[in-house]
Amino acid sequence: MKTLVMISAVAAAVAMVGCTKAPEVQTPDVQVTDTQTPAVPEAKASTTVSYTAILAPGKGITSSGSGSAELMYDPNTNILTYTVTYKDLTGPATAAHIHGPAAPGEDAGVVIPFASAASPITGTAVLTDVQADDLVLGHDYVNIHTAANPGGEIRGQILSTK
């Protein structure tokens, strides 16, 4: 009999718990219009592009001069960073620049003057959109001038290293 009373008490307790009403929770009115996760902006990957130019005597120039240019261009900032080295010119360099736009072997005006013509030449320039397009298309060249060759002693077309 004790067991029957005990089972009845447990059954009554379970029944009462089941009948207990949970407290109501107030929720603000929320209107859901899109159930997709919003896009998170991605960090810009480095898009720096490498360029190079091999400097050699231009058409009709007698010189044992040679050199190279290493350039890095960041299209996110339009900043061009360059290092130009050369040796064995007929005399001291009198000027040095990037010229363009021009096809290989053709002449064009100065688009980026270098602050110094002494090797090594290093620096940066902020390109306009037109200058950036010409660079990407391979329409620019590095030119080193001397007194013996005022139109340029050595030059090299700037090309992407890809």
C-alpha atoms as a PDB file:
ATOM      1  CA  MET A   1       0.000   0.000   0.000  1.00  0.00           C
ATOM      2  CA  LYS A   2       2.866   2.314   0.759  1.00  0.00           C
ATOM      3  CA  THR A   3       4.115   1.756  -2.761  1.00  0.00           C
ATOM      4  CA  LEU A   4       0.717   2.612  -4.227  1.00  0.00           C
ATOM      5  CA  VAL A   5       0.531   5.851  -2.244  1.00  0.00           C
ATOM      6  CA  MET A   6       4.047   6.753  -3.344  1.00  0.00           C
ATOM      7  CA  ILE A   7       3.284   6.147  -7.037  1.00  0.00           C
ATOM      8  CA  SER A   8       0.097   8.212  -6.722  1.00  0.00           C
ATOM      9  CA  ALA A   9       2.020  11.116  -5.175  1.00  0.00           C
ATOM     10  CA  VAL A  10       4.637  11.060  -7.955  1.00  0.00           C
ATOM     11  CA  ALA A  11       1.924  10.889 -10.611  1.00  0.00           C
ATOM     12  CA  ALA A  12       0.107  13.850  -9.053  1.00  0.00           C
ATOM     13  CA  ALA A  13       3.336  15.888  -8.947  1.00  0.00           C
ATOM     14  CA  VAL A  14       4.079  15.151 -12.604  1.00  0.00           C
ATOM     15  CA  ALA A  15       0.537  16.090 -13.588  1.00  0.00           C
ATOM     16  CA  MET A  16       0.786  19.427 -11.753  1.00  0.00           C
ATOM     17  CA  VAL A  17       4.095  20.309 -13.386  1.00  0.00           C
ATOM     18  CA  GLY A  18       2.632  19.578 -16.790  1.00  0.00           C
ATOM     19  CA  CYS A  19      -0.280  21.913 -16.057  1.00  0.00           C
ATOM     20  CA  THR A  20       1.862  24.803 -14.954  1.00  0.00           C
ATOM     21  CA  LYS A  21       1.746  27.617 -17.509  1.00  0.00           C
ATOM     22  CA  ALA A  22       5.086  29.087 -18.544  1.00  0.00           C
ATOM     23  CA  PRO A  23       5.353  32.851 -18.080  1.00  0.00           C
ATOM     24  CA  GLU A  24       4.679  34.878 -21.228  1.00  0.00           C
ATOM     25  CA  VAL A  25       7.682  36.569 -22.813  1.00  0.00           C
ATOM     26  CA  GLN A  26       7.100  39.910 -24.485  1.00  0.00           C
ATOM     27  CA  THR A  27       8.861  40.217 -27.867  1.00  0.00           C
ATOM     28  CA  PRO A  28       9.077  43.409 -29.856  1.00  0.00           C
ATOM     29  CA  ASP A  29       7.446  43.498 -33.278  1.00  0.00           C
ATOM     30  CA  VAL A  30      10.173  42.651 -35.778  1.00  0.00           C
ATOM     31  CA  GLN A  31       9.632  42.597 -39.513  1.00  0.00           C
ATOM     32  CA  VAL A  32      11.981  40.266 -41.343  1.00  0.00           C
ATOM     33  CA  THR A  33      12.473  41.295 -44.950  1.00  0.00           C
ATOM     34  CA  ASP A  34      15.570  39.304 -45.880  1.00  0.00           C
ATOM     35  CA  THR A  35      16.683  36.064 -44.358  1.00  0.00           C
ATOM     36  CA  GLN A  36      20.070  36.028 -46.116  1.00  0.00           C
ATOM     37  CA  THR A  37      23.236  36.928 -44.274  1.00  0.00           C
ATOM     38  CA  PRO A  38      24.367  40.423 -45.268  1.00  0.00           C
ATOM     39  CA  ALA A  39      27.476  40.586 -47.425  1.00  0.00           C
ATOM     40  CA  VAL A  40      30.660  41.426 -45.587  1.00  0.00           C
ATOM     41  CA  PRO A  41      33.056  43.609 -47.591  1.00  0.00           C
ATOM     42  CA  GLU A  42      36.204  41.727 -48.478  1.00  0.00           C
ATOM     43  CA  ALA A  43      39.604  43.228 -47.772  1.00  0.00           C
ATOM     44  CA  LYS A  44      41.315  44.308 -50.983  1.00  0.00           C
ATOM     45  CA  ALA A  45      43.991  41.897 -51.972  1.00  0.00           C
ATOM     46  CA  SER A  46      47.345  43.257 -52.908  1.00  0.00           C
ATOM     47  CA  THR A  47      47.209  44.028 -56.584  1.00  0.00           C
ATOM     48  CA  THR A  48      50.665  45.466 -57.059  1.00  0.00           C
ATOM     49  CA  VAL A  49      51.956  44.757 -60.548  1.00  0.00           C
ATOM     50  CA  SER A  50      55.655  44.388 -61.407  1.00  0.00           C
ATOM     51  CA  TYR A  51      57.220  45.928 -64.499  1.00  0.00           C
ATOM     52  CA  THR A  52      60.729  45.907 -65.886  1.00  0.00           C
ATOM     53  CA  ALA A  53      62.726  47.571 -68.640  1.00  0.00           C
ATOM     54  CA  ILE A  54      66.061  46.487 -70.105  1.00  0.00           C
ATOM     55  CA  LEU A  55      68.027  49.607 -71.085  1.00  0.00           C
ATOM     56  CA  ALA A  56      70.233  49.455 -74.180  1.00  0.00           C
ATOM     57  CA  PRO A  57      71.490  51.942 -76.782  1.00  0.00           C
ATOM     58  CA  GLY A  58      68.718  53.274 -79.006  1.00  0.00           C
ATOM     59  CA  LYS A  59      68.639  53.025 -82.800  1.00  0.00           C
ATOM     60  CA  GLY A  60      71.743  54.683 -84.291  1.00  0.00           C
ATOM     61  CA  ILE A  61      73.495  55.161 -80.907  1.00  0.00           C
ATOM     62  CA  THR A  62      77.041  53.911 -80.376  1.00  0.00           C
ATOM     63  CA  SER A  63      77.510  53.148 -76.681  1.00  0.00           C
ATOM     64  CA  SER A  64      78.420  50.285 -74.397  1.00  0.00           C
ATOM     65  CA  GLY A  65      75.882  51.595 -71.866  1.00  0.00           C
ATOM     66  CA  SER A  66      73.348  49.251 -70.332  1.00  0.00           C
ATOM     67  CA  GLY A  67      70.904  49.225 -67.477  1.00  0.00           C
ATOM     68  CA  SER A  68      67.592  48.097 -66.107  1.00  0.00           C
ATOM     69  CA  ALA A  69      64.508  49.460 -64.431  1.00  0.00           C
ATOM     70  CA  GLU A  70      62.371  47.672 -61.859  1.00  0.00           C
ATOM     71  CA  LEU A  71      58.962  49.238 -61.309  1.00  0.00           C
ATOM     72  CA  MET A  72      56.007  48.389 -59.049  1.00  0.00           C
ATOM     73  CA  TYR A  73      52.558  49.826 -59.711  1.00  0.00           C
ATOM     74  CA  ASP A  74      49.634  49.769 -57.276  1.00  0.00           C
ATOM     75  CA  PRO A  75      46.360  50.387 -59.145  1.00  0.00           C
ATOM     76  CA  ASN A  76      44.501  50.939 -55.857  1.00  0.00           C
ATOM     77  CA  THR A  77      46.581  54.051 -55.137  1.00  0.00           C
ATOM     78  CA  ASN A  78      47.978  54.806 -58.641  1.00  0.00           C
ATOM     79  CA  ILE A  79      51.472  54.890 -57.077  1.00  0.00           C
ATOM     80  CA  LEU A  80      54.412  53.837 -59.231  1.00  0.00           C
ATOM     81  CA  THR A  81      57.654  53.014 -57.416  1.00  0.00           C
ATOM     82  CA  TYR A  82      60.819  52.671 -59.491  1.00  0.00           C
ATOM     83  CA  THR A  83      64.521  51.868 -59.329  1.00  0.00           C
ATOM     84  CA  VAL A  84      66.694  52.453 -62.397  1.00  0.00           C
ATOM     85  CA  THR A  85      70.359  51.453 -62.606  1.00  0.00           C
ATOM     86  CA  TYR A  86      72.794  51.854 -65.465  1.00  0.00           C
ATOM     87  CA  LYS A  87      76.526  51.738 -66.275  1.00  0.00           C
ATOM     88  CA  ASP A  88      79.113  52.396 -68.977  1.00  0.00           C
ATOM     89  CA  LEU A  89      77.556  55.483 -70.585  1.00  0.00           C
ATOM     90  CA  THR A  90      79.659  57.720 -72.849  1.00  0.00           C
ATOM     91  CA  GLY A  91      79.603  60.312 -70.056  1.00  0.00           C
ATOM     92  CA  PRO A  92      77.550  61.400 -67.062  1.00  0.00           C
ATOM     93  CA  ALA A  93      73.790  61.219 -67.450  1.00  0.00           C
ATOM     94  CA  THR A  94      72.350  64.685 -68.019  1.00  0.00           C
ATOM     95  CA  ALA A  95      68.683  63.699 -67.624  1.00  0.00           C
ATOM     96  CA  ALA A  96      66.507  60.640 -67.133  1.00  0.00           C
ATOM     97  CA  HIS A  97      62.770  60.164 -67.433  1.00  0.00           C
ATOM     98  CA  ILE A  98      59.877  57.945 -68.338  1.00  0.00           C
ATOM     99  CA  HIS A  99      58.572  58.856 -71.788  1.00  0.00           C
ATOM    100  CA  GLY A 100      55.298  57.914 -73.430  1.00  0.00           C
ATOM    101  CA  PRO A 101      53.057  56.951 -74.934  1.00  0.00           C
ATOM    102  CA  ALA A 102      55.054  55.263 -77.664  1.00  0.00           C
ATOM    103  CA  ALA A 103      55.488  51.884 -79.272  1.00  0.00           C
ATOM    104  CA  PRO A 104      58.908  50.219 -78.889  1.00  0.00           C
ATOM    105  CA  GLY A 105      61.546  52.198 -80.801  1.00  0.00           C
ATOM    106  CA  GLU A 106      59.284  55.234 -81.239  1.00  0.00           C
ATOM    107  CA  ASP A 107      59.843  58.583 -79.485  1.00  0.00           C
ATOM    108  CA  ALA A 108      57.463  60.435 -77.171  1.00  0.00           C
ATOM    109  CA  GLY A 109      57.472  63.233 -74.613  1.00  0.00           C
ATOM    110  CA  VAL A 110      58.395  63.047 -70.943  1.00  0.00           C
ATOM    111  CA  VAL A 111      55.584  61.825 -68.705  1.00  0.00           C
ATOM    112  CA  ILE A 112      57.523  61.261 -65.470  1.00  0.00           C
ATOM    113  CA  PRO A 113      60.729  63.213 -64.881  1.00  0.00           C
ATOM    114  CA  PHE A 114      63.207  61.733 -62.401  1.00  0.00           C
ATOM    115  CA  ALA A 115      64.514  64.053 -59.683  1.00  0.00           C
ATOM    116  CA  SER A 116      68.076  62.904 -60.326  1.00  0.00           C
ATOM    117  CA  ALA A 117      69.793  61.247 -63.254  1.00  0.00           C
ATOM    118  CA  ALA A 118      72.536  59.626 -61.134  1.00  0.00           C
ATOM    119  CA  SER A 119      72.424  55.838 -60.904  1.00  0.00           C
ATOM    120  CA  PRO A 120      70.700  54.346 -59.001  1.00  0.00           C
ATOM    121  CA  ILE A 121      67.563  56.401 -59.637  1.00  0.00           C
ATOM    122  CA  THR A 122      64.800  55.699 -57.129  1.00  0.00           C
ATOM    123  CA  GLY A 123      61.474  57.336 -56.503  1.00  0.00           C
ATOM    124  CA  THR A 124      57.720  57.272 -56.666  1.00  0.00           C
ATOM    125  CA  ALA A 125      55.112  58.974 -58.788  1.00  0.00           C
ATOM    126  CA  VAL A 126      51.340  59.197 -58.616  1.00  0.00           C
ATOM    127  CA  LEU A 127      49.992  58.372 -62.056  1.00  0.00           C
ATOM    128  CA  THR A 128      46.949  59.882 -63.704  1.00  0.00           C
ATOM    129  CA  ASP A 129      44.419  57.429 -65.101  1.00  0.00           C
ATOM    130  CA  VAL A 130      45.744  58.047 -68.627  1.00  0.00           C
ATOM    131  CA  GLN A 131      49.363  57.466 -67.505  1.00  0.00           C
ATOM    132  CA  ALA A 132      48.292  54.278 -65.717  1.00  0.00           C
ATOM    133  CA  ASP A 133      46.570  53.006 -68.862  1.00  0.00           C
ATOM    134  CA  ASP A 134      49.675  53.718 -70.961  1.00  0.00           C
ATOM    135  CA  LEU A 135      51.870  51.894 -68.435  1.00  0.00           C
ATOM    136  CA  VAL A 136      49.618  48.827 -68.382  1.00  0.00           C
ATOM    137  CA  LEU A 137      49.495  48.762 -72.194  1.00  0.00           C
ATOM    138  CA  GLY A 138      53.317  48.853 -72.472  1.00  0.00           C
ATOM    139  CA  HIS A 139      53.387  52.310 -74.082  1.00  0.00           C
ATOM    140  CA  ASP A 140      56.074  53.873 -71.835  1.00  0.00           C
ATOM    141  CA  TYR A 141      59.853  53.673 -71.840  1.00  0.00           C
ATOM    142  CA  VAL A 142      62.760  54.724 -69.618  1.00  0.00           C
ATOM    143  CA  ASN A 143      65.321  56.985 -71.318  1.00  0.00           C
ATOM    144  CA  ILE A 144      68.755  58.071 -70.033  1.00  0.00           C
ATOM    145  CA  HIS A 145      70.292  61.119 -71.761  1.00  0.00           C
ATOM    146  CA  THR A 146      73.960  62.187 -71.978  1.00  0.00           C
ATOM    147  CA  ALA A 147      75.764  65.170 -73.514  1.00  0.00           C
ATOM    148  CA  ALA A 148      76.981  62.951 -76.376  1.00  0.00           C
ATOM    149  CA  ASN A 149      73.433  61.622 -76.903  1.00  0.00           C
ATOM    150  CA  PRO A 150      71.005  64.391 -75.884  1.00  0.00           C
ATOM    151  CA  GLY A 151      68.013  62.515 -77.327  1.00  0.00           C
ATOM    152  CA  GLY A 152      68.799  59.530 -75.144  1.00  0.00           C
ATOM    153  CA  GLU A 153      71.720  57.128 -74.966  1.00  0.00           C
ATOM    154  CA  ILE A 154      70.029  54.079 -73.512  1.00  0.00           C
ATOM    155  CA  ARG A 155      66.368  53.265 -73.298  1.00  0.00           C
ATOM    156  CA  GLY A 156      64.016  50.392 -72.569  1.00  0.00           C
ATOM    157  CA  GLN A 157      60.316  49.738 -72.994  1.00  0.00           C
ATOM    158  CA  ILE A 158      58.477  49.175 -69.703  1.00  0.00           C
ATOM    159  CA  LEU A 159      56.726  45.799 -69.768  1.00  0.00           C
ATOM    160  CA  SER A 160      54.800  43.754 -67.236  1.00  0.00           C
ATOM    161  CA  THR A 161      56.741  40.853 -65.746  1.00  0.00           C
ATOM    162  CA  LYS A 162      53.687  38.513 -65.898  1.00  0.00           C
END
